[in-house]
Amino acid sequence: MSVVRTPTTNPTEERKKVTIRLIQAMKTRHEPISMLTAYDYPTALVMDQVGIDMILVGDSLGMVVLGYESTLPVTMDEMIHHSKAVGRGARYALLVGDMPFLSYQVSSSEAVRNAGRFLKEAGMNAVKLEGGSERAETIRAIVDTGIPVMGHLGLTPQSVHQLGGFRTQGRDAEAAYKLLEDAMILQEAGCFSLVLESIPGRLAELVSQRLAIPTIGIGAGVGCDGQVLVTHDLLGLFERFTPKFVKRYANLSGEMRRAFGEYKAEVRSKAFPGPEHTVDMNEDEWKCLEERLTQEGPSFIIHDHSVR
């Protein structure tokens, strides 16, 4: 089974949907996996056009799209809303919905119900949730219903207060061993993949070698089986802060400021809209309208307010 992962101009070239089996095969072939976040239709559409393997509708939308101070306030309804938009834009990428805070921690039955919403209502192919061995029972329950689960270890933003802030994890031997142990437990529980966030590159490579399932790194070095970034960081659209591990591939905030400023200046000077942006009306029809309004009385007389 093959899938196009590069831009193509050949409309007849066959493309197939990326599945968890394909992602697993990519690990086996040592073929790096690409993953990005998306929260709307046009972004997902472009990602699909260039062949991004997996798209994550991340709860990071709370910060980069909705303006929250953290990911904690994000609700299931907000996640479903944005996941639906992404699902309409991407036909080929494997789509993963990020389960928000308290959507899976309360009980396994509630976790299964919320995970099911991502597939049934929003068209996602899998879900992602944070945490180690304490989530194994919940993961098993979700997987047992036929819903693929991606795990998430290391820096887990939903536990930021417990972790003492956005800090690199697994830097000492004990913490590193615990992370590796958790990774093995999540694999045994049924996860098809793991996100490893903000951990030492050497540790991420070790975990990736020990696991049979693919690892997706973010701030975890090149030794993972794939990489993911928050798209707004990659594009330079989120300027509140930039994690050390982010590489900016564009500065769209700067370009947007330039475009918005130019638009404002042209509106003020009446340079926009110009004749090329304006629909004209037949002169005879206009004169007919003027004559009719004049006949209706003074309240319908057209006054010429044009700038001289």
C-alpha atoms as a PDB file:
ATOM      1  CA  MET A   1       0.000   0.000   0.000  1.00  0.00           C
ATOM      2  CA  SER A   2       1.465   3.335  -1.029  1.00  0.00           C
ATOM      3  CA  VAL A   3       0.541   6.928  -0.485  1.00  0.00           C
ATOM      4  CA  VAL A   4       1.673  10.142  -2.147  1.00  0.00           C
ATOM      5  CA  ARG A   5       3.566  12.263   0.361  1.00  0.00           C
ATOM      6  CA  THR A   6       4.965  14.825  -2.050  1.00  0.00           C
ATOM      7  CA  PRO A   7       3.236  17.582  -4.039  1.00  0.00           C
ATOM      8  CA  THR A   8       1.852  16.379  -7.353  1.00  0.00           C
ATOM      9  CA  THR A   9       0.413  18.157 -10.365  1.00  0.00           C
ATOM     10  CA  ASN A  10      -0.897  14.942 -11.897  1.00  0.00           C
ATOM     11  CA  PRO A  11      -4.621  14.784 -11.082  1.00  0.00           C
ATOM     12  CA  THR A  12      -4.810  11.155 -12.189  1.00  0.00           C
ATOM     13  CA  GLU A  13      -2.081   9.946  -9.829  1.00  0.00           C
ATOM     14  CA  GLU A  14      -3.546   7.582  -7.273  1.00  0.00           C
ATOM     15  CA  ARG A  15      -3.498   8.590  -3.637  1.00  0.00           C
ATOM     16  CA  LYS A  16      -4.584   6.403  -0.794  1.00  0.00           C
ATOM     17  CA  LYS A  17      -5.720   7.249   2.693  1.00  0.00           C
ATOM     18  CA  VAL A  18      -2.987   7.102   5.332  1.00  0.00           C
ATOM     19  CA  THR A  19      -3.869   4.493   7.957  1.00  0.00           C
ATOM     20  CA  ILE A  20      -2.294   3.305  11.185  1.00  0.00           C
ATOM     21  CA  ARG A  21      -1.033   0.254   9.282  1.00  0.00           C
ATOM     22  CA  LEU A  22       0.813   2.536   6.886  1.00  0.00           C
ATOM     23  CA  ILE A  23       2.279   4.545   9.772  1.00  0.00           C
ATOM     24  CA  GLN A  24       3.508   1.296  11.302  1.00  0.00           C
ATOM     25  CA  ALA A  25       4.994   0.239   7.954  1.00  0.00           C
ATOM     26  CA  MET A  26       6.829   3.569   7.722  1.00  0.00           C
ATOM     27  CA  LYS A  27       8.554   2.807  11.035  1.00  0.00           C
ATOM     28  CA  THR A  28       9.498  -0.635   9.778  1.00  0.00           C
ATOM     29  CA  ARG A  29      11.000   0.917   6.623  1.00  0.00           C
ATOM     30  CA  HIS A  30      12.747   3.626   8.691  1.00  0.00           C
ATOM     31  CA  GLU A  31      10.804   6.235   6.706  1.00  0.00           C
ATOM     32  CA  PRO A  32      10.330   9.444   8.759  1.00  0.00           C
ATOM     33  CA  ILE A  33       6.724  10.366   9.510  1.00  0.00           C
ATOM     34  CA  SER A  34       5.516  13.966   9.157  1.00  0.00           C
ATOM     35  CA  MET A  35       2.827  15.392  11.417  1.00  0.00           C
ATOM     36  CA  LEU A  36       1.473  18.910  11.971  1.00  0.00           C
ATOM     37  CA  THR A  37      -1.393  20.505  13.859  1.00  0.00           C
ATOM     38  CA  ALA A  38      -4.372  22.019  12.062  1.00  0.00           C
ATOM     39  CA  TYR A  39      -7.521  23.652  13.371  1.00  0.00           C
ATOM     40  CA  ASP A  40      -9.423  24.744  10.239  1.00  0.00           C
ATOM     41  CA  TYR A  41     -10.438  23.720   6.720  1.00  0.00           C
ATOM     42  CA  PRO A  42      -7.984  25.739   4.570  1.00  0.00           C
ATOM     43  CA  THR A  43      -4.936  24.734   6.613  1.00  0.00           C
ATOM     44  CA  ALA A  44      -5.887  21.050   6.504  1.00  0.00           C
ATOM     45  CA  LEU A  45      -6.511  21.289   2.767  1.00  0.00           C
ATOM     46  CA  VAL A  46      -3.018  22.659   2.073  1.00  0.00           C
ATOM     47  CA  MET A  47      -1.393  20.081   4.347  1.00  0.00           C
ATOM     48  CA  ASP A  48      -3.191  17.337   2.456  1.00  0.00           C
ATOM     49  CA  GLN A  49      -2.040  18.794  -0.851  1.00  0.00           C
ATOM     50  CA  VAL A  50       1.639  18.561   0.142  1.00  0.00           C
ATOM     51  CA  GLY A  51       1.211  15.089   1.619  1.00  0.00           C
ATOM     52  CA  ILE A  52       1.604  15.534   5.395  1.00  0.00           C
ATOM     53  CA  ASP A  53       1.202  12.018   6.803  1.00  0.00           C
ATOM     54  CA  MET A  54      -0.743  12.823   9.989  1.00  0.00           C
ATOM     55  CA  ILE A  55      -2.719  15.879  11.076  1.00  0.00           C
ATOM     56  CA  LEU A  56      -3.344  16.498  14.769  1.00  0.00           C
ATOM     57  CA  VAL A  57      -6.241  18.687  15.810  1.00  0.00           C
ATOM     58  CA  GLY A  58      -4.406  19.634  18.971  1.00  0.00           C
ATOM     59  CA  ASP A  59      -5.795  21.172  22.129  1.00  0.00           C
ATOM     60  CA  SER A  60      -3.044  23.728  21.466  1.00  0.00           C
ATOM     61  CA  LEU A  61      -5.836  25.494  19.575  1.00  0.00           C
ATOM     62  CA  GLY A  62      -6.831  26.886  22.965  1.00  0.00           C
ATOM     63  CA  MET A  63      -3.691  29.021  23.020  1.00  0.00           C
ATOM     64  CA  VAL A  64      -2.875  29.676  19.357  1.00  0.00           C
ATOM     65  CA  VAL A  65      -6.431  30.096  18.035  1.00  0.00           C
ATOM     66  CA  LEU A  66      -8.746  30.868  20.971  1.00  0.00           C
ATOM     67  CA  GLY A  67      -6.339  32.963  23.041  1.00  0.00           C
ATOM     68  CA  TYR A  68      -6.480  31.010  26.304  1.00  0.00           C
ATOM     69  CA  GLU A  69      -3.507  31.173  28.654  1.00  0.00           C
ATOM     70  CA  SER A  70      -3.113  27.375  28.544  1.00  0.00           C
ATOM     71  CA  THR A  71      -4.732  24.312  27.003  1.00  0.00           C
ATOM     72  CA  LEU A  72      -6.730  23.531  30.155  1.00  0.00           C
ATOM     73  CA  PRO A  73      -9.914  25.537  29.356  1.00  0.00           C
ATOM     74  CA  VAL A  74     -10.466  23.816  25.994  1.00  0.00           C
ATOM     75  CA  THR A  75     -13.782  21.934  25.855  1.00  0.00           C
ATOM     76  CA  MET A  76     -14.915  18.867  23.962  1.00  0.00           C
ATOM     77  CA  ASP A  77     -17.354  20.956  21.939  1.00  0.00           C
ATOM     78  CA  GLU A  78     -14.541  23.281  20.858  1.00  0.00           C
ATOM     79  CA  MET A  79     -12.407  20.303  19.857  1.00  0.00           C
ATOM     80  CA  ILE A  80     -15.262  18.737  17.904  1.00  0.00           C
ATOM     81  CA  HIS A  81     -16.006  22.025  16.137  1.00  0.00           C
ATOM     82  CA  HIS A  82     -12.431  22.431  14.888  1.00  0.00           C
ATOM     83  CA  SER A  83     -12.024  18.722  14.148  1.00  0.00           C
ATOM     84  CA  LYS A  84     -15.050  18.836  11.846  1.00  0.00           C
ATOM     85  CA  ALA A  85     -13.452  21.662   9.875  1.00  0.00           C
ATOM     86  CA  VAL A  86     -10.167  19.790   9.537  1.00  0.00           C
ATOM     87  CA  GLY A  87     -12.005  16.626   8.535  1.00  0.00           C
ATOM     88  CA  ARG A  88     -13.669  18.509   5.676  1.00  0.00           C
ATOM     89  CA  GLY A  89     -10.305  19.742   4.424  1.00  0.00           C
ATOM     90  CA  ALA A  90      -8.098  16.631   4.614  1.00  0.00           C
ATOM     91  CA  ARG A  91      -9.008  13.474   2.713  1.00  0.00           C
ATOM     92  CA  TYR A  92      -5.725  11.553   2.801  1.00  0.00           C
ATOM     93  CA  ALA A  93      -3.843  12.325   6.025  1.00  0.00           C
ATOM     94  CA  LEU A  94      -4.422  10.254   9.151  1.00  0.00           C
ATOM     95  CA  LEU A  95      -6.502  12.549  11.370  1.00  0.00           C
ATOM     96  CA  VAL A  96      -5.991  12.544  15.142  1.00  0.00           C
ATOM     97  CA  GLY A  97      -8.241  14.381  17.595  1.00  0.00           C
ATOM     98  CA  ASP A  98      -6.628  15.572  20.829  1.00  0.00           C
ATOM     99  CA  MET A  99      -8.720  14.733  23.894  1.00  0.00           C
ATOM    100  CA  PRO A 100      -8.935  17.866  26.083  1.00  0.00           C
ATOM    101  CA  PHE A 101      -8.448  18.141  29.823  1.00  0.00           C
ATOM    102  CA  LEU A 102     -11.037  16.204  31.875  1.00  0.00           C
ATOM    103  CA  SER A 103     -12.478  14.467  28.804  1.00  0.00           C
ATOM    104  CA  TYR A 104     -10.769  11.174  29.736  1.00  0.00           C
ATOM    105  CA  GLN A 105      -9.460  11.512  33.308  1.00  0.00           C
ATOM    106  CA  VAL A 106     -12.776  11.134  35.162  1.00  0.00           C
ATOM    107  CA  SER A 107     -13.711   7.582  34.128  1.00  0.00           C
ATOM    108  CA  SER A 108     -13.027   5.052  31.397  1.00  0.00           C
ATOM    109  CA  SER A 109     -16.665   5.060  30.291  1.00  0.00           C
ATOM    110  CA  GLU A 110     -16.653   8.834  29.866  1.00  0.00           C
ATOM    111  CA  ALA A 111     -13.323   8.606  28.030  1.00  0.00           C
ATOM    112  CA  VAL A 112     -14.767   6.060  25.592  1.00  0.00           C
ATOM    113  CA  ARG A 113     -17.820   8.233  24.987  1.00  0.00           C
ATOM    114  CA  ASN A 114     -15.738  11.348  24.314  1.00  0.00           C
ATOM    115  CA  ALA A 115     -13.256   9.468  22.128  1.00  0.00           C
ATOM    116  CA  GLY A 116     -16.184   8.140  20.127  1.00  0.00           C
ATOM    117  CA  ARG A 117     -17.391  11.668  19.434  1.00  0.00           C
ATOM    118  CA  PHE A 118     -14.157  12.430  17.590  1.00  0.00           C
ATOM    119  CA  LEU A 119     -14.825   9.590  15.159  1.00  0.00           C
ATOM    120  CA  LYS A 120     -18.621   9.705  14.964  1.00  0.00           C
ATOM    121  CA  GLU A 121     -19.189  13.475  14.872  1.00  0.00           C
ATOM    122  CA  ALA A 122     -15.914  14.923  13.603  1.00  0.00           C
ATOM    123  CA  GLY A 123     -14.551  12.345  11.166  1.00  0.00           C
ATOM    124  CA  MET A 124     -11.266  11.759  12.983  1.00  0.00           C
ATOM    125  CA  ASN A 125      -9.418   8.467  12.541  1.00  0.00           C
ATOM    126  CA  ALA A 126      -7.842   8.292  16.007  1.00  0.00           C
ATOM    127  CA  VAL A 127      -7.527  10.174  19.297  1.00  0.00           C
ATOM    128  CA  LYS A 128      -4.573  11.297  21.407  1.00  0.00           C
ATOM    129  CA  LEU A 129      -4.381  11.545  25.174  1.00  0.00           C
ATOM    130  CA  GLU A 130      -1.665  12.406  27.675  1.00  0.00           C
ATOM    131  CA  GLY A 131      -0.181  10.396  30.511  1.00  0.00           C
ATOM    132  CA  GLY A 132       1.706   7.219  31.385  1.00  0.00           C
ATOM    133  CA  SER A 133       0.837   4.013  33.204  1.00  0.00           C
ATOM    134  CA  GLU A 134      -2.032   5.719  35.046  1.00  0.00           C
ATOM    135  CA  ARG A 135      -3.849   5.935  31.678  1.00  0.00           C
ATOM    136  CA  ALA A 136      -3.330   2.290  30.651  1.00  0.00           C
ATOM    137  CA  GLU A 137      -6.801   1.122  31.734  1.00  0.00           C
ATOM    138  CA  THR A 138      -8.470   4.025  29.942  1.00  0.00           C
ATOM    139  CA  ILE A 139      -6.466   3.390  26.776  1.00  0.00           C
ATOM    140  CA  ARG A 140      -7.434  -0.282  26.805  1.00  0.00           C
ATOM    141  CA  ALA A 141     -11.098   0.626  27.153  1.00  0.00           C
ATOM    142  CA  ILE A 142     -10.936   3.035  24.209  1.00  0.00           C
ATOM    143  CA  VAL A 143      -8.965   0.632  22.020  1.00  0.00           C
ATOM    144  CA  ASP A 144     -11.372  -2.189  22.873  1.00  0.00           C
ATOM    145  CA  THR A 145     -14.169  -0.171  21.251  1.00  0.00           C
ATOM    146  CA  GLY A 146     -12.206  -0.013  17.999  1.00  0.00           C
ATOM    147  CA  ILE A 147     -10.799   3.512  18.398  1.00  0.00           C
ATOM    148  CA  PRO A 148      -7.051   3.898  17.711  1.00  0.00           C
ATOM    149  CA  VAL A 149      -5.174   5.772  20.451  1.00  0.00           C
ATOM    150  CA  MET A 150      -1.968   7.813  20.283  1.00  0.00           C
ATOM    151  CA  GLY A 151      -0.218   8.275  23.620  1.00  0.00           C
ATOM    152  CA  HIS A 152       1.748  11.304  24.810  1.00  0.00           C
ATOM    153  CA  LEU A 153       4.688  11.240  27.240  1.00  0.00           C
ATOM    154  CA  GLY A 154       7.312  13.675  28.468  1.00  0.00           C
ATOM    155  CA  LEU A 155       6.129  17.252  28.742  1.00  0.00           C
ATOM    156  CA  THR A 156       2.358  16.851  28.928  1.00  0.00           C
ATOM    157  CA  PRO A 157       0.787  20.343  28.815  1.00  0.00           C
ATOM    158  CA  GLN A 158      -2.421  19.296  30.574  1.00  0.00           C
ATOM    159  CA  SER A 159      -0.279  18.418  33.613  1.00  0.00           C
ATOM    160  CA  VAL A 160       1.767  21.605  33.483  1.00  0.00           C
ATOM    161  CA  HIS A 161       0.918  22.600  37.073  1.00  0.00           C
ATOM    162  CA  GLN A 162       1.882  19.188  38.388  1.00  0.00           C
ATOM    163  CA  LEU A 163       5.131  19.295  36.394  1.00  0.00           C
ATOM    164  CA  GLY A 164       6.012  22.738  37.740  1.00  0.00           C
ATOM    165  CA  GLY A 165       5.839  24.503  34.395  1.00  0.00           C
ATOM    166  CA  PHE A 166       6.846  23.850  30.797  1.00  0.00           C
ATOM    167  CA  ARG A 167      10.075  22.003  31.604  1.00  0.00           C
ATOM    168  CA  THR A 168      12.069  19.301  29.839  1.00  0.00           C
ATOM    169  CA  GLN A 169      11.274  15.869  31.272  1.00  0.00           C
ATOM    170  CA  GLY A 170      13.339  12.708  31.735  1.00  0.00           C
ATOM    171  CA  ARG A 171      16.681  14.408  32.374  1.00  0.00           C
ATOM    172  CA  ASP A 172      17.815  12.199  35.251  1.00  0.00           C
ATOM    173  CA  ALA A 173      18.214   8.411  35.220  1.00  0.00           C
ATOM    174  CA  GLU A 174      15.200   7.682  37.422  1.00  0.00           C
ATOM    175  CA  ALA A 175      12.839   9.892  35.400  1.00  0.00           C
ATOM    176  CA  ALA A 176      14.221   8.504  32.143  1.00  0.00           C
ATOM    177  CA  TYR A 177      13.647   4.914  33.295  1.00  0.00           C
ATOM    178  CA  LYS A 178      10.084   5.766  34.364  1.00  0.00           C
ATOM    179  CA  LEU A 179       9.374   7.311  30.960  1.00  0.00           C
ATOM    180  CA  LEU A 180      10.694   4.229  29.138  1.00  0.00           C
ATOM    181  CA  GLU A 181       8.630   2.013  31.431  1.00  0.00           C
ATOM    182  CA  ASP A 182       5.519   4.097  30.757  1.00  0.00           C
ATOM    183  CA  ALA A 183       6.163   3.907  27.012  1.00  0.00           C
ATOM    184  CA  MET A 184       6.254   0.112  27.149  1.00  0.00           C
ATOM    185  CA  ILE A 185       3.057   0.035  29.213  1.00  0.00           C
ATOM    186  CA  LEU A 186       1.219   2.306  26.755  1.00  0.00           C
ATOM    187  CA  GLN A 187       2.337   0.124  23.874  1.00  0.00           C
ATOM    188  CA  GLU A 188       1.047  -2.954  25.686  1.00  0.00           C
ATOM    189  CA  ALA A 189      -2.233  -1.138  26.409  1.00  0.00           C
ATOM    190  CA  GLY A 190      -2.796  -0.771  22.671  1.00  0.00           C
ATOM    191  CA  CYS A 191      -1.455   2.624  21.581  1.00  0.00           C
ATOM    192  CA  PHE A 192      -0.578   2.672  17.871  1.00  0.00           C
ATOM    193  CA  SER A 193       1.923   5.523  18.346  1.00  0.00           C
ATOM    194  CA  LEU A 194       3.428   7.794  20.991  1.00  0.00           C
ATOM    195  CA  VAL A 195       4.213  11.512  21.046  1.00  0.00           C
ATOM    196  CA  LEU A 196       7.435  12.223  22.952  1.00  0.00           C
ATOM    197  CA  GLU A 197       7.585  15.892  23.940  1.00  0.00           C
ATOM    198  CA  SER A 198      10.540  17.837  25.298  1.00  0.00           C
ATOM    199  CA  ILE A 199      12.775  15.001  26.448  1.00  0.00           C
ATOM    200  CA  PRO A 200      16.513  14.466  25.834  1.00  0.00           C
ATOM    201  CA  GLY A 201      17.257  13.320  22.299  1.00  0.00           C
ATOM    202  CA  ARG A 202      19.284  10.341  23.502  1.00  0.00           C
ATOM    203  CA  LEU A 203      16.363   9.133  25.597  1.00  0.00           C
ATOM    204  CA  ALA A 204      13.862   9.620  22.767  1.00  0.00           C
ATOM    205  CA  GLU A 205      16.072   7.580  20.446  1.00  0.00           C
ATOM    206  CA  LEU A 206      16.323   4.794  23.047  1.00  0.00           C
ATOM    207  CA  VAL A 207      12.551   4.713  23.513  1.00  0.00           C
ATOM    208  CA  SER A 208      12.047   4.666  19.741  1.00  0.00           C
ATOM    209  CA  GLN A 209      14.416   1.710  19.396  1.00  0.00           C
ATOM    210  CA  ARG A 210      12.775  -0.242  22.218  1.00  0.00           C
ATOM    211  CA  LEU A 211       9.205   0.246  20.977  1.00  0.00           C
ATOM    212  CA  ALA A 212       7.585  -1.613  18.113  1.00  0.00           C
ATOM    213  CA  ILE A 213       5.163   1.280  17.550  1.00  0.00           C
ATOM    214  CA  PRO A 214       6.183   4.630  15.956  1.00  0.00           C
ATOM    215  CA  THR A 215       7.260   7.598  18.068  1.00  0.00           C
ATOM    216  CA  ILE A 216       6.546  11.181  17.045  1.00  0.00           C
ATOM    217  CA  GLY A 217       8.896  13.730  18.543  1.00  0.00           C
ATOM    218  CA  ILE A 218       8.443  17.381  19.423  1.00  0.00           C
ATOM    219  CA  GLY A 219      11.523  18.773  21.056  1.00  0.00           C
ATOM    220  CA  ALA A 220      12.878  15.224  21.333  1.00  0.00           C
ATOM    221  CA  GLY A 221      15.577  15.129  18.685  1.00  0.00           C
ATOM    222  CA  VAL A 222      15.989  13.407  15.355  1.00  0.00           C
ATOM    223  CA  GLY A 223      15.980   9.855  16.756  1.00  0.00           C
ATOM    224  CA  CYS A 224      12.189   9.574  16.799  1.00  0.00           C
ATOM    225  CA  ASP A 225      10.290   7.861  13.987  1.00  0.00           C
ATOM    226  CA  GLY A 226       8.571  11.119  13.048  1.00  0.00           C
ATOM    227  CA  GLN A 227       8.191  14.758  13.988  1.00  0.00           C
ATOM    228  CA  VAL A 228       5.326  17.099  14.867  1.00  0.00           C
ATOM    229  CA  LEU A 229       5.147  20.860  15.360  1.00  0.00           C
ATOM    230  CA  VAL A 230       2.386  23.292  16.222  1.00  0.00           C
ATOM    231  CA  THR A 231       1.679  24.907  12.865  1.00  0.00           C
ATOM    232  CA  HIS A 232       1.270  28.411  14.286  1.00  0.00           C
ATOM    233  CA  ASP A 233       4.804  28.138  15.715  1.00  0.00           C
ATOM    234  CA  LEU A 234       6.182  26.848  12.412  1.00  0.00           C
ATOM    235  CA  LEU A 235       4.570  29.721  10.487  1.00  0.00           C
ATOM    236  CA  GLY A 236       5.468  32.452  12.967  1.00  0.00           C
ATOM    237  CA  LEU A 237       1.803  33.151  13.720  1.00  0.00           C
ATOM    238  CA  PHE A 238       1.983  32.779  17.499  1.00  0.00           C
ATOM    239  CA  GLU A 239       4.279  35.330  19.099  1.00  0.00           C
ATOM    240  CA  ARG A 240       3.410  35.104  22.794  1.00  0.00           C
ATOM    241  CA  PHE A 241       6.345  32.728  23.224  1.00  0.00           C
ATOM    242  CA  THR A 242       8.336  30.315  21.057  1.00  0.00           C
ATOM    243  CA  PRO A 243       9.582  27.009  22.494  1.00  0.00           C
ATOM    244  CA  LYS A 244      13.294  26.378  22.082  1.00  0.00           C
ATOM    245  CA  PHE A 245      12.677  23.314  19.935  1.00  0.00           C
ATOM    246  CA  VAL A 246      10.612  25.170  17.314  1.00  0.00           C
ATOM    247  CA  LYS A 247      12.025  26.020  13.899  1.00  0.00           C
ATOM    248  CA  ARG A 248      10.226  28.866  12.168  1.00  0.00           C
ATOM    249  CA  TYR A 249       9.796  28.236   8.464  1.00  0.00           C
ATOM    250  CA  ALA A 250       7.990  31.552   7.851  1.00  0.00           C
ATOM    251  CA  ASN A 251       7.111  34.840   9.548  1.00  0.00           C
ATOM    252  CA  LEU A 252       3.451  35.182   8.672  1.00  0.00           C
ATOM    253  CA  SER A 253       2.692  37.529  11.576  1.00  0.00           C
ATOM    254  CA  GLY A 254       5.041  40.081  10.061  1.00  0.00           C
ATOM    255  CA  GLU A 255       3.549  39.602   6.611  1.00  0.00           C
ATOM    256  CA  MET A 256       0.027  39.936   8.020  1.00  0.00           C
ATOM    257  CA  ARG A 257       0.923  43.212   9.761  1.00  0.00           C
ATOM    258  CA  ARG A 258       2.314  44.539   6.490  1.00  0.00           C
ATOM    259  CA  ALA A 259      -0.797  43.510   4.544  1.00  0.00           C
ATOM    260  CA  PHE A 260      -3.249  44.817   7.167  1.00  0.00           C
ATOM    261  CA  GLY A 261      -1.363  48.125   7.387  1.00  0.00           C
ATOM    262  CA  GLU A 262      -1.341  48.543   3.616  1.00  0.00           C
ATOM    263  CA  TYR A 263      -5.061  47.781   3.473  1.00  0.00           C
ATOM    264  CA  LYS A 264      -5.831  50.359   6.172  1.00  0.00           C
ATOM    265  CA  ALA A 265      -3.768  53.020   4.366  1.00  0.00           C
ATOM    266  CA  GLU A 266      -5.518  52.369   1.044  1.00  0.00           C
ATOM    267  CA  VAL A 267      -8.962  52.512   2.672  1.00  0.00           C
ATOM    268  CA  ARG A 268      -8.069  55.838   4.299  1.00  0.00           C
ATOM    269  CA  SER A 269      -6.763  57.265   1.002  1.00  0.00           C
ATOM    270  CA  LYS A 270      -9.628  55.722  -1.024  1.00  0.00           C
ATOM    271  CA  ALA A 271      -7.095  53.924  -3.207  1.00  0.00           C
ATOM    272  CA  PHE A 272      -9.117  50.778  -2.422  1.00  0.00           C
ATOM    273  CA  PRO A 273     -11.488  49.722  -3.788  1.00  0.00           C
ATOM    274  CA  GLY A 274     -10.525  50.768  -7.307  1.00  0.00           C
ATOM    275  CA  PRO A 275     -12.517  50.464 -10.541  1.00  0.00           C
ATOM    276  CA  GLU A 276     -11.208  46.917 -10.999  1.00  0.00           C
ATOM    277  CA  HIS A 277     -12.804  45.921  -7.688  1.00  0.00           C
ATOM    278  CA  THR A 278     -16.180  47.569  -8.392  1.00  0.00           C
ATOM    279  CA  VAL A 279     -19.188  46.289 -10.340  1.00  0.00           C
ATOM    280  CA  ASP A 280     -20.503  48.836 -12.870  1.00  0.00           C
ATOM    281  CA  MET A 281     -24.104  49.549 -13.865  1.00  0.00           C
ATOM    282  CA  ASN A 282     -25.390  50.238 -17.359  1.00  0.00           C
ATOM    283  CA  GLU A 283     -25.727  54.018 -17.856  1.00  0.00           C
ATOM    284  CA  ASP A 284     -29.202  53.767 -19.368  1.00  0.00           C
ATOM    285  CA  GLU A 285     -30.397  51.682 -16.431  1.00  0.00           C
ATOM    286  CA  TRP A 286     -28.939  54.207 -14.001  1.00  0.00           C
ATOM    287  CA  LYS A 287     -30.762  57.093 -15.731  1.00  0.00           C
ATOM    288  CA  CYS A 288     -33.962  55.069 -15.607  1.00  0.00           C
ATOM    289  CA  LEU A 289     -33.513  54.623 -11.849  1.00  0.00           C
ATOM    290  CA  GLU A 290     -32.871  58.362 -11.375  1.00  0.00           C
ATOM    291  CA  GLU A 291     -35.999  59.292 -13.320  1.00  0.00           C
ATOM    292  CA  ARG A 292     -38.148  56.900 -11.323  1.00  0.00           C
ATOM    293  CA  LEU A 293     -36.849  58.141  -7.983  1.00  0.00           C
ATOM    294  CA  THR A 294     -37.368  61.753  -9.027  1.00  0.00           C
ATOM    295  CA  GLN A 295     -41.001  60.950  -9.859  1.00  0.00           C
ATOM    296  CA  GLU A 296     -41.487  59.439  -6.389  1.00  0.00           C
ATOM    297  CA  GLY A 297     -40.913  62.770  -4.720  1.00  0.00           C
ATOM    298  CA  PRO A 298     -38.226  64.795  -2.886  1.00  0.00           C
ATOM    299  CA  SER A 299     -37.454  62.050  -0.356  1.00  0.00           C
ATOM    300  CA  PHE A 300     -36.201  59.838  -3.191  1.00  0.00           C
ATOM    301  CA  ILE A 301     -34.073  62.435  -5.006  1.00  0.00           C
ATOM    302  CA  ILE A 302     -30.507  61.235  -5.420  1.00  0.00           C
ATOM    303  CA  HIS A 303     -27.982  63.719  -4.112  1.00  0.00           C
ATOM    304  CA  ASP A 304     -24.488  63.739  -5.534  1.00  0.00           C
ATOM    305  CA  HIS A 305     -22.072  63.248  -2.631  1.00  0.00           C
ATOM    306  CA  SER A 306     -19.132  62.251  -4.815  1.00  0.00           C
ATOM    307  CA  VAL A 307     -15.731  63.672  -3.934  1.00  0.00           C
ATOM    308  CA  ARG A 308     -14.755  66.467  -6.288  1.00  0.00           C
END
